[in-house]
Each structure stands twice: as structure tokens, then as C-alpha cells.
N, C-alpha and C. Protein backbone atom coordinates (compact mmCIF):
# COMPACT_ATOMS: atom_id res chain seq x y z
N MET A 1 0.91 -1.14 0.01
CA MET A 1 0.16 0.08 0.07
C MET A 1 0.96 1.22 0.16
N GLU A 2 0.57 2.31 -0.79
CA GLU A 2 1.28 3.52 -0.90
C GLU A 2 1.08 4.44 0.54
N ARG A 3 2.06 4.93 0.80
CA ARG A 3 2.07 5.86 2.11
C ARG A 3 1.83 7.29 1.86
N VAL A 4 0.85 7.80 2.54
CA VAL A 4 0.20 9.21 2.54
C VAL A 4 0.63 9.79 3.74
N TYR A 5 1.35 11.15 3.54
CA TYR A 5 1.59 11.57 5.17
C TYR A 5 0.49 12.73 5.23
N LEU A 6 0.11 12.39 6.56
CA LEU A 6 -1.25 13.39 7.14
C LEU A 6 -1.09 14.81 6.67
N LYS A 7 0.13 15.37 6.68
CA LYS A 7 0.55 16.55 6.11
C LYS A 7 -0.10 16.96 4.85
N LYS A 8 0.03 16.02 3.87
CA LYS A 8 -0.42 16.19 2.49
C LYS A 8 -1.98 16.14 2.43
N ILE A 9 -2.42 15.55 3.27
CA ILE A 9 -3.84 15.44 3.17
C ILE A 9 -4.83 16.05 4.15
N ILE A 10 -4.32 17.01 5.11
CA ILE A 10 -5.27 17.61 6.11
C ILE A 10 -5.62 18.98 5.02
N ASN A 11 -7.01 19.27 5.18
CA ASN A 11 -7.66 20.12 4.45
C ASN A 11 -7.87 20.09 3.06
N LYS A 12 -7.83 18.47 2.64
CA LYS A 12 -8.30 18.43 1.43
C LYS A 12 -9.89 17.78 1.42
N LYS A 13 -10.50 18.07 0.30
CA LYS A 13 -11.76 17.80 0.30
C LYS A 13 -12.35 16.25 0.47
N VAL A 14 -13.24 16.13 0.93
CA VAL A 14 -13.84 14.46 1.19
C VAL A 14 -15.08 14.48 0.36
N MET A 15 -15.16 13.54 -0.37
CA MET A 15 -16.28 13.34 -1.47
C MET A 15 -17.03 11.62 -1.38
N GLY A 16 -17.92 11.88 -1.55
CA GLY A 16 -18.55 10.38 -1.50
C GLY A 16 -18.33 9.81 -2.89
N ASN A 17 -18.31 8.51 -2.90
CA ASN A 17 -18.14 7.76 -4.09
C ASN A 17 -19.54 7.86 -5.15
N ASP A 18 -20.57 8.39 -4.34
CA ASP A 18 -21.55 9.12 -5.37
C ASP A 18 -21.54 10.31 -6.09
N GLY A 19 -20.50 10.98 -5.93
CA GLY A 19 -20.30 12.36 -6.32
C GLY A 19 -20.50 13.36 -5.24
N SER A 20 -21.15 13.03 -4.01
CA SER A 20 -21.35 14.03 -3.19
C SER A 20 -20.28 14.69 -2.40
N GLU A 21 -20.37 15.87 -2.24
CA GLU A 21 -19.34 16.66 -1.41
C GLU A 21 -19.61 16.64 -0.03
N ILE A 22 -18.64 16.13 0.94
CA ILE A 22 -19.16 15.85 2.09
C ILE A 22 -18.39 16.86 3.11
N GLY A 23 -17.38 17.03 3.00
CA GLY A 23 -16.54 18.24 3.87
C GLY A 23 -15.16 18.33 3.53
N THR A 24 -14.39 18.46 4.68
CA THR A 24 -12.95 18.73 4.62
C THR A 24 -12.11 18.14 5.85
N LEU A 25 -11.19 17.23 5.37
CA LEU A 25 -10.56 16.42 6.35
C LEU A 25 -9.72 17.36 7.24
N LYS A 26 -9.92 17.27 8.50
CA LYS A 26 -9.27 18.10 9.49
C LYS A 26 -8.17 17.47 10.27
N ASN A 27 -8.76 16.03 10.76
CA ASN A 27 -7.62 15.35 11.60
C ASN A 27 -7.88 13.93 11.36
N VAL A 28 -7.18 12.96 11.95
CA VAL A 28 -7.51 11.51 12.01
C VAL A 28 -7.54 10.95 13.45
N VAL A 29 -8.04 9.91 13.86
CA VAL A 29 -8.25 9.13 14.91
C VAL A 29 -7.16 7.72 14.83
N ALA A 30 -6.30 7.62 15.71
CA ALA A 30 -5.81 6.33 15.51
C ALA A 30 -6.10 5.60 16.85
N GLU A 31 -6.06 4.16 16.80
CA GLU A 31 -6.26 3.39 17.79
C GLU A 31 -4.74 3.10 18.32
N LEU A 32 -4.35 3.84 19.75
CA LEU A 32 -3.26 3.68 20.62
C LEU A 32 -2.63 2.19 20.65
N GLU A 33 -3.37 1.42 20.78
CA GLU A 33 -2.98 -0.24 21.28
C GLU A 33 -2.30 -0.77 19.93
N THR A 34 -3.03 -0.54 18.92
CA THR A 34 -2.88 -1.29 17.62
C THR A 34 -1.91 -0.18 16.50
N GLY A 35 -2.24 1.04 16.61
CA GLY A 35 -1.73 1.63 15.52
C GLY A 35 -2.53 2.10 14.57
N ASP A 36 -3.55 1.29 14.46
CA ASP A 36 -4.52 1.38 13.25
C ASP A 36 -5.32 2.66 13.16
N LEU A 37 -5.39 3.16 12.01
CA LEU A 37 -6.17 4.46 11.73
C LEU A 37 -7.68 4.24 11.78
N ALA A 38 -8.49 4.66 12.65
CA ALA A 38 -9.81 4.44 12.91
C ALA A 38 -10.68 5.39 12.32
N GLU A 39 -10.69 6.67 12.40
CA GLU A 39 -11.78 7.57 11.62
C GLU A 39 -10.83 8.73 11.08
N MET A 40 -11.54 9.34 10.31
CA MET A 40 -11.19 10.61 9.41
C MET A 40 -12.24 11.76 10.25
N VAL A 41 -11.57 12.80 10.80
CA VAL A 41 -12.55 13.76 11.49
C VAL A 41 -12.72 14.76 10.31
N VAL A 42 -13.84 14.82 9.78
CA VAL A 42 -14.02 15.90 8.83
C VAL A 42 -15.42 16.94 9.18
N HIS A 43 -14.74 18.21 8.86
CA HIS A 43 -15.48 19.31 8.93
C HIS A 43 -16.69 19.07 7.89
N LEU A 44 -17.68 19.06 8.41
CA LEU A 44 -19.04 18.91 7.26
C LEU A 44 -19.33 20.00 6.59
N ASN A 45 -19.53 19.96 5.25
CA ASN A 45 -20.27 21.12 4.35
C ASN A 45 -21.40 21.35 4.72
N GLU A 46 -21.93 22.48 4.94
CA GLU A 46 -23.26 23.04 5.13
C GLU A 46 -24.30 22.54 4.09
N GLY A 47 -25.26 21.58 4.50
CA GLY A 47 -26.07 20.87 3.61
C GLY A 47 -25.78 19.67 2.84
N ALA A 48 -24.64 19.06 3.49
CA ALA A 48 -23.84 17.96 2.87
C ALA A 48 -25.08 16.75 2.98
N PRO A 49 -25.39 15.95 1.93
CA PRO A 49 -26.26 14.66 2.14
C PRO A 49 -25.66 13.84 2.96
N ASN A 50 -26.52 12.76 3.43
CA ASN A 50 -26.14 11.65 4.20
C ASN A 50 -25.32 11.81 5.39
N GLN A 51 -25.57 13.25 6.03
CA GLN A 51 -24.65 13.49 7.31
C GLN A 51 -25.18 12.76 8.47
N ARG A 52 -26.30 12.26 8.36
CA ARG A 52 -27.13 11.47 9.51
C ARG A 52 -26.10 9.97 9.80
N ARG A 53 -25.72 9.46 8.70
CA ARG A 53 -25.12 8.22 8.84
C ARG A 53 -23.75 8.17 9.73
N TYR A 54 -23.36 9.36 9.64
CA TYR A 54 -21.97 9.26 10.44
C TYR A 54 -21.98 9.83 12.04
N ARG A 55 -20.98 9.38 12.72
CA ARG A 55 -21.15 9.85 14.09
C ARG A 55 -20.54 11.44 13.98
N ALA A 56 -21.29 12.30 14.80
CA ALA A 56 -21.22 13.43 14.73
C ALA A 56 -20.92 14.05 16.16
N GLU A 57 -19.93 15.13 16.10
CA GLU A 57 -19.67 15.46 17.62
C GLU A 57 -18.84 16.87 17.30
N GLY A 58 -19.35 18.00 18.09
CA GLY A 58 -18.80 19.35 18.08
C GLY A 58 -18.48 19.88 16.55
N GLY A 59 -19.44 19.62 15.67
CA GLY A 59 -19.29 20.17 14.36
C GLY A 59 -18.54 19.50 13.27
N TYR A 60 -18.18 18.38 13.92
CA TYR A 60 -17.40 17.39 12.84
C TYR A 60 -17.93 16.11 12.82
N ILE A 61 -17.71 15.37 11.70
CA ILE A 61 -18.30 14.00 11.55
C ILE A 61 -17.07 13.10 11.46
N TYR A 62 -17.33 11.92 12.07
CA TYR A 62 -16.22 10.89 12.00
C TYR A 62 -16.58 9.63 11.07
N ILE A 63 -15.70 9.58 10.06
CA ILE A 63 -15.74 8.59 8.96
C ILE A 63 -14.87 7.63 9.20
N PRO A 64 -15.38 6.33 9.19
CA PRO A 64 -14.59 5.22 9.50
C PRO A 64 -13.61 4.99 8.31
N PHE A 65 -12.30 4.70 8.68
CA PHE A 65 -11.21 4.38 7.63
C PHE A 65 -11.64 3.49 6.72
N SER A 66 -12.22 2.49 7.11
CA SER A 66 -12.70 1.30 6.48
C SER A 66 -13.55 1.71 5.20
N SER A 67 -13.86 2.89 5.22
CA SER A 67 -14.85 3.56 4.00
C SER A 67 -13.87 4.24 3.09
N LEU A 68 -12.63 4.36 3.49
CA LEU A 68 -11.86 5.11 2.38
C LEU A 68 -11.53 4.39 1.05
N ARG A 69 -11.79 4.92 0.04
CA ARG A 69 -11.62 4.59 -1.12
C ARG A 69 -10.24 5.00 -2.08
N SER A 70 -10.09 6.14 -2.00
CA SER A 70 -8.93 6.68 -2.74
C SER A 70 -8.73 8.15 -2.07
N ILE A 71 -7.27 8.24 -2.33
CA ILE A 71 -6.49 9.76 -2.19
C ILE A 71 -6.01 10.17 -3.06
N LYS A 72 -6.63 11.21 -3.76
CA LYS A 72 -5.84 11.71 -5.18
C LYS A 72 -6.08 13.37 -4.97
N ASP A 73 -6.91 13.86 -5.75
CA ASP A 73 -7.35 15.49 -5.82
C ASP A 73 -8.22 15.61 -4.73
N TYR A 74 -9.02 14.35 -4.39
CA TYR A 74 -9.93 14.42 -3.46
C TYR A 74 -9.86 13.17 -2.58
N ILE A 75 -10.41 13.15 -1.32
CA ILE A 75 -10.34 11.92 -0.46
C ILE A 75 -11.91 11.25 -0.79
N VAL A 76 -11.69 10.10 -1.38
CA VAL A 76 -12.97 9.50 -1.73
C VAL A 76 -13.46 8.52 -0.80
N VAL A 77 -14.78 8.35 -0.22
CA VAL A 77 -15.32 7.53 0.79
C VAL A 77 -16.17 6.72 0.13
N ASP A 78 -16.52 5.60 0.40
CA ASP A 78 -17.65 4.81 0.14
C ASP A 78 -18.78 5.08 0.98
N VAL A 79 -19.91 5.89 0.68
CA VAL A 79 -20.79 6.35 1.49
C VAL A 79 -22.01 5.08 1.88
N ARG A 80 -21.77 3.98 0.96
CA ARG A 80 -22.89 3.09 1.29
C ARG A 80 -22.18 1.94 2.49
N SER A 81 -20.84 2.01 2.75
CA SER A 81 -20.28 1.13 3.81
C SER A 81 -20.49 1.70 5.13
N VAL A 82 -20.82 2.96 5.25
CA VAL A 82 -21.17 3.25 6.57
C VAL A 82 -22.37 3.00 7.28
């Protein structure tokens, strides 16, 4: 798997694989015991669809890393896997 540095993806736009714009990546959550990346912390775009399917807290939504599909110009997540 290709390595991607957090510094390069912070503030990247997050989109659903259905073309919906979800928000902007602000941080990530890691499991301390395993080192696994657990969730992406995303500042939600106003009026973004499907926002209820994600855990929300303090103006941010938490998208599981398991739904990540690609990181290129945008971070693409599978909205059906949440």
C-alpha cells in the first residue's frame, strides 16, 4: 500500500463515491494499542447529504477509515459502507 503523509491530506476535500461533497478532512483518529487508523475527522459542508449516517460531535463528523476508497485530488469514501 502506498504511504500518504497526514500533512499532505489535511484540509483536502472529502467526497462520497456517489459524487456528493461531504466536507474537509481536519484530523484522523488512531487506535493507540494497535496503531491502526480508525476514523477521519471531517468538517461537514453545510447541507451535505447523508450526514446522519456518520457519528457527529462538536461540528465534525467521524468517517471510518474502512470506508476510504482513494486519495488523489479528493479523498473519496464509500458512502454505502457506513
